[in-house]
Amino acid sequence: MTRSLSDAQLDWRVILTSPSSSAIEACVETGLGISLIDRARVKPTMRILENLPKVPTYEVYLLRSPSADASQAVSALEKLIAEQFRL
């Protein structure tokens, strides 16, 4: 994202770095900044800025070790993650 903004000669600065997607989404919702968020995670309180430069596509993979516990809890977590990322 930052490369796309720089290549388009747009002024930008980092106002927050966080491993928490919830913290980043909260900043976007309150108007403190913009972020690259998967369309599936865009909330009604956010808006998509159409006039920004395109960014490269990416892929998300969900890998489960063959030796992973086959419990219902692990299977439920795998299903939840897949649904959230629409895999």
N, C-alpha and C. Protein backbone atom coordinates (compact mmCIF):
# COMPACT_ATOMS: atom_id res chain seq x y z
N MET A 1 0.82 -1.19 0.00
CA MET A 1 0.00 0.00 0.00
C MET A 1 0.87 1.25 0.00
N THR A 2 1.88 1.29 0.86
CA THR A 2 2.71 2.49 0.94
C THR A 2 3.45 2.74 -0.37
N ARG A 3 3.89 1.67 -1.01
CA ARG A 3 4.56 1.84 -2.31
C ARG A 3 3.60 2.41 -3.34
N SER A 4 2.37 1.93 -3.35
CA SER A 4 1.37 2.44 -4.30
C SER A 4 1.10 3.92 -4.07
N LEU A 5 1.01 4.33 -2.80
CA LEU A 5 0.79 5.75 -2.49
C LEU A 5 1.99 6.60 -2.91
N SER A 6 3.19 6.11 -2.63
CA SER A 6 4.40 6.85 -3.02
C SER A 6 4.55 6.92 -4.53
N ASP A 7 4.30 5.80 -5.22
CA ASP A 7 4.39 5.78 -6.68
C ASP A 7 3.42 6.77 -7.32
N ALA A 8 2.28 6.98 -6.67
CA ALA A 8 1.28 7.93 -7.17
C ALA A 8 1.58 9.35 -6.72
N GLN A 9 2.71 9.53 -6.03
CA GLN A 9 3.16 10.83 -5.52
C GLN A 9 2.12 11.47 -4.60
N LEU A 10 1.52 10.64 -3.76
CA LEU A 10 0.58 11.14 -2.75
C LEU A 10 1.30 11.28 -1.42
N ASP A 11 1.01 12.35 -0.71
CA ASP A 11 1.60 12.54 0.62
C ASP A 11 0.88 11.62 1.60
N TRP A 12 1.65 10.94 2.43
CA TRP A 12 1.07 10.07 3.44
C TRP A 12 2.05 9.93 4.60
N ARG A 13 1.53 9.49 5.73
CA ARG A 13 2.39 9.21 6.88
C ARG A 13 1.73 8.12 7.72
N VAL A 14 2.53 7.39 8.42
CA VAL A 14 2.03 6.33 9.30
C VAL A 14 1.60 6.97 10.61
N ILE A 15 0.37 6.70 11.02
CA ILE A 15 -0.09 7.23 12.31
C ILE A 15 -0.26 6.12 13.35
N LEU A 16 -0.28 4.87 12.89
CA LEU A 16 -0.45 3.76 13.81
C LEU A 16 0.09 2.48 13.18
N THR A 17 0.84 1.73 13.95
CA THR A 17 1.17 0.36 13.57
C THR A 17 0.74 -0.52 14.73
N SER A 18 0.05 -1.59 14.42
CA SER A 18 -0.46 -2.46 15.47
C SER A 18 -0.69 -3.86 14.91
N PRO A 19 -0.38 -4.87 15.70
CA PRO A 19 -0.71 -6.23 15.27
C PRO A 19 -2.21 -6.53 15.41
N SER A 20 -2.94 -5.60 16.00
CA SER A 20 -4.36 -5.79 16.24
C SER A 20 -5.19 -5.20 15.10
N SER A 21 -5.86 -6.06 14.35
CA SER A 21 -6.72 -5.55 13.29
C SER A 21 -7.88 -4.75 13.87
N SER A 22 -8.31 -5.08 15.08
CA SER A 22 -9.39 -4.33 15.73
C SER A 22 -8.98 -2.89 16.01
N ALA A 23 -7.73 -2.69 16.44
CA ALA A 23 -7.24 -1.33 16.70
C ALA A 23 -7.18 -0.53 15.41
N ILE A 24 -6.70 -1.15 14.36
CA ILE A 24 -6.61 -0.46 13.06
C ILE A 24 -8.00 -0.12 12.55
N GLU A 25 -8.92 -1.07 12.63
CA GLU A 25 -10.29 -0.83 12.18
C GLU A 25 -10.95 0.27 13.00
N ALA A 26 -10.68 0.34 14.29
CA ALA A 26 -11.25 1.40 15.13
C ALA A 26 -10.75 2.76 14.68
N CYS A 27 -9.47 2.86 14.33
CA CYS A 27 -8.92 4.14 13.83
C CYS A 27 -9.57 4.53 12.52
N VAL A 28 -9.80 3.56 11.65
CA VAL A 28 -10.47 3.85 10.37
C VAL A 28 -11.90 4.31 10.63
N GLU A 29 -12.61 3.61 11.51
CA GLU A 29 -14.00 3.96 11.80
C GLU A 29 -14.15 5.35 12.40
N THR A 30 -13.18 5.78 13.19
CA THR A 30 -13.28 7.11 13.80
C THR A 30 -12.70 8.21 12.92
N GLY A 31 -12.20 7.83 11.74
CA GLY A 31 -11.70 8.84 10.81
C GLY A 31 -10.28 9.29 11.07
N LEU A 32 -9.53 8.55 11.89
CA LEU A 32 -8.14 8.93 12.17
C LEU A 32 -7.19 8.59 11.03
N GLY A 33 -7.62 7.74 10.14
CA GLY A 33 -6.73 7.37 9.03
C GLY A 33 -7.41 6.41 8.08
N ILE A 34 -6.63 5.96 7.12
CA ILE A 34 -7.11 4.97 6.15
C ILE A 34 -6.23 3.74 6.29
N SER A 35 -6.72 2.64 5.80
CA SER A 35 -5.96 1.39 5.85
C SER A 35 -6.39 0.50 4.71
N LEU A 36 -5.55 -0.44 4.39
CA LEU A 36 -5.88 -1.45 3.40
C LEU A 36 -6.58 -2.58 4.15
N ILE A 37 -7.87 -2.72 3.91
CA ILE A 37 -8.68 -3.74 4.59
C ILE A 37 -9.40 -4.54 3.52
N ASP A 38 -9.42 -5.85 3.70
CA ASP A 38 -10.13 -6.72 2.78
C ASP A 38 -11.60 -6.29 2.72
N ARG A 39 -12.16 -6.26 1.52
CA ARG A 39 -13.56 -5.81 1.36
C ARG A 39 -14.53 -6.59 2.23
N ALA A 40 -14.22 -7.84 2.52
CA ALA A 40 -15.10 -8.65 3.36
C ALA A 40 -15.14 -8.13 4.79
N ARG A 41 -14.15 -7.35 5.20
CA ARG A 41 -14.08 -6.84 6.57
C ARG A 41 -14.50 -5.37 6.68
N VAL A 42 -14.88 -4.76 5.57
CA VAL A 42 -15.33 -3.36 5.61
C VAL A 42 -16.70 -3.31 6.29
N LYS A 43 -16.79 -2.47 7.30
CA LYS A 43 -18.03 -2.34 8.07
C LYS A 43 -18.87 -1.19 7.53
N PRO A 44 -20.16 -1.15 7.84
CA PRO A 44 -21.02 -0.06 7.38
C PRO A 44 -20.55 1.31 7.86
N THR A 45 -19.78 1.36 8.93
CA THR A 45 -19.28 2.63 9.46
C THR A 45 -18.02 3.10 8.73
N MET A 46 -17.57 2.33 7.75
CA MET A 46 -16.39 2.68 6.95
C MET A 46 -16.83 2.99 5.53
N ARG A 47 -15.95 3.62 4.79
CA ARG A 47 -16.24 3.81 3.37
C ARG A 47 -15.01 3.46 2.55
N ILE A 48 -15.26 3.00 1.34
CA ILE A 48 -14.19 2.61 0.43
C ILE A 48 -13.81 3.82 -0.40
N LEU A 49 -12.52 4.15 -0.40
CA LEU A 49 -12.02 5.28 -1.18
C LEU A 49 -11.62 4.76 -2.56
N GLU A 50 -12.41 5.07 -3.54
CA GLU A 50 -12.22 4.51 -4.89
C GLU A 50 -11.10 5.18 -5.68
N ASN A 51 -10.72 6.40 -5.32
CA ASN A 51 -9.76 7.14 -6.15
C ASN A 51 -8.30 6.94 -5.76
N LEU A 52 -8.03 5.99 -4.89
CA LEU A 52 -6.65 5.69 -4.52
C LEU A 52 -6.04 4.73 -5.54
N PRO A 53 -4.71 4.71 -5.64
CA PRO A 53 -4.09 3.80 -6.60
C PRO A 53 -4.36 2.34 -6.24
N LYS A 54 -4.38 1.51 -7.26
CA LYS A 54 -4.58 0.07 -7.05
C LYS A 54 -3.36 -0.51 -6.34
N VAL A 55 -3.59 -1.53 -5.55
CA VAL A 55 -2.50 -2.24 -4.87
C VAL A 55 -2.44 -3.65 -5.43
N PRO A 56 -1.27 -4.28 -5.32
CA PRO A 56 -1.16 -5.65 -5.82
C PRO A 56 -2.14 -6.59 -5.10
N THR A 57 -2.60 -7.60 -5.81
CA THR A 57 -3.48 -8.59 -5.19
C THR A 57 -2.66 -9.48 -4.26
N TYR A 58 -3.34 -10.15 -3.40
CA TYR A 58 -2.68 -11.06 -2.47
C TYR A 58 -3.55 -12.29 -2.28
N GLU A 59 -2.94 -13.31 -1.76
CA GLU A 59 -3.66 -14.54 -1.49
C GLU A 59 -3.55 -14.89 -0.02
N VAL A 60 -4.60 -15.47 0.51
CA VAL A 60 -4.63 -15.92 1.90
C VAL A 60 -4.80 -17.43 1.89
N TYR A 61 -3.96 -18.10 2.64
CA TYR A 61 -4.03 -19.55 2.73
C TYR A 61 -4.29 -19.96 4.17
N LEU A 62 -5.05 -20.99 4.34
CA LEU A 62 -5.26 -21.58 5.66
C LEU A 62 -4.67 -22.98 5.62
N LEU A 63 -3.60 -23.19 6.36
CA LEU A 63 -2.92 -24.48 6.37
C LEU A 63 -3.13 -25.16 7.71
N ARG A 64 -3.42 -26.42 7.65
CA ARG A 64 -3.59 -27.21 8.87
C ARG A 64 -2.66 -28.41 8.79
N SER A 65 -1.85 -28.56 9.77
CA SER A 65 -0.89 -29.66 9.80
C SER A 65 -1.62 -31.00 9.83
N PRO A 66 -1.13 -31.97 9.06
CA PRO A 66 -1.75 -33.30 9.11
C PRO A 66 -1.71 -33.90 10.52
N SER A 67 -0.74 -33.46 11.31
CA SER A 67 -0.63 -33.99 12.67
C SER A 67 -1.42 -33.16 13.69
N ALA A 68 -2.17 -32.16 13.21
CA ALA A 68 -2.95 -31.31 14.13
C ALA A 68 -4.05 -32.12 14.80
N ASP A 69 -4.35 -31.72 15.98
CA ASP A 69 -5.42 -32.34 16.75
C ASP A 69 -6.71 -32.29 15.93
N ALA A 70 -7.39 -33.41 15.81
CA ALA A 70 -8.62 -33.47 15.01
C ALA A 70 -9.86 -33.24 15.86
N SER A 71 -9.70 -32.52 16.95
CA SER A 71 -10.83 -32.29 17.86
C SER A 71 -11.87 -31.37 17.22
N GLN A 72 -13.05 -31.38 17.80
CA GLN A 72 -14.12 -30.50 17.32
C GLN A 72 -13.73 -29.04 17.48
N ALA A 73 -12.98 -28.72 18.53
CA ALA A 73 -12.58 -27.33 18.77
C ALA A 73 -11.67 -26.83 17.65
N VAL A 74 -10.70 -27.65 17.25
CA VAL A 74 -9.78 -27.25 16.18
C VAL A 74 -10.55 -27.12 14.87
N SER A 75 -11.44 -28.06 14.60
CA SER A 75 -12.25 -28.00 13.38
C SER A 75 -13.15 -26.78 13.37
N ALA A 76 -13.73 -26.44 14.52
CA ALA A 76 -14.59 -25.25 14.61
C ALA A 76 -13.78 -23.98 14.38
N LEU A 77 -12.57 -23.92 14.94
CA LEU A 77 -11.71 -22.75 14.73
C LEU A 77 -11.32 -22.63 13.27
N GLU A 78 -10.97 -23.74 12.64
CA GLU A 78 -10.62 -23.74 11.22
C GLU A 78 -11.79 -23.22 10.38
N LYS A 79 -13.00 -23.67 10.68
CA LYS A 79 -14.19 -23.22 9.95
C LYS A 79 -14.42 -21.73 10.15
N LEU A 80 -14.27 -21.25 11.38
CA LEU A 80 -14.47 -19.83 11.69
C LEU A 80 -13.47 -18.96 10.92
N ILE A 81 -12.21 -19.35 10.92
CA ILE A 81 -11.19 -18.59 10.20
C ILE A 81 -11.51 -18.57 8.71
N ALA A 82 -11.87 -19.71 8.15
CA ALA A 82 -12.20 -19.78 6.73
C ALA A 82 -13.39 -18.89 6.39
N GLU A 83 -14.40 -18.86 7.26
CA GLU A 83 -15.56 -18.01 7.02
C GLU A 83 -15.20 -16.53 7.09
N GLN A 84 -14.37 -16.14 8.06
CA GLN A 84 -14.00 -14.74 8.21
C GLN A 84 -13.21 -14.23 7.02
N PHE A 85 -12.36 -15.08 6.46
CA PHE A 85 -11.57 -14.68 5.30
C PHE A 85 -12.25 -15.07 3.99
N ARG A 86 -13.41 -15.67 4.10
CA ARG A 86 -14.17 -16.13 2.93
C ARG A 86 -13.31 -16.99 2.02
N LEU A 87 -12.66 -17.97 2.62
CA LEU A 87 -11.80 -18.90 1.87
C LEU A 87 -12.62 -20.00 1.26
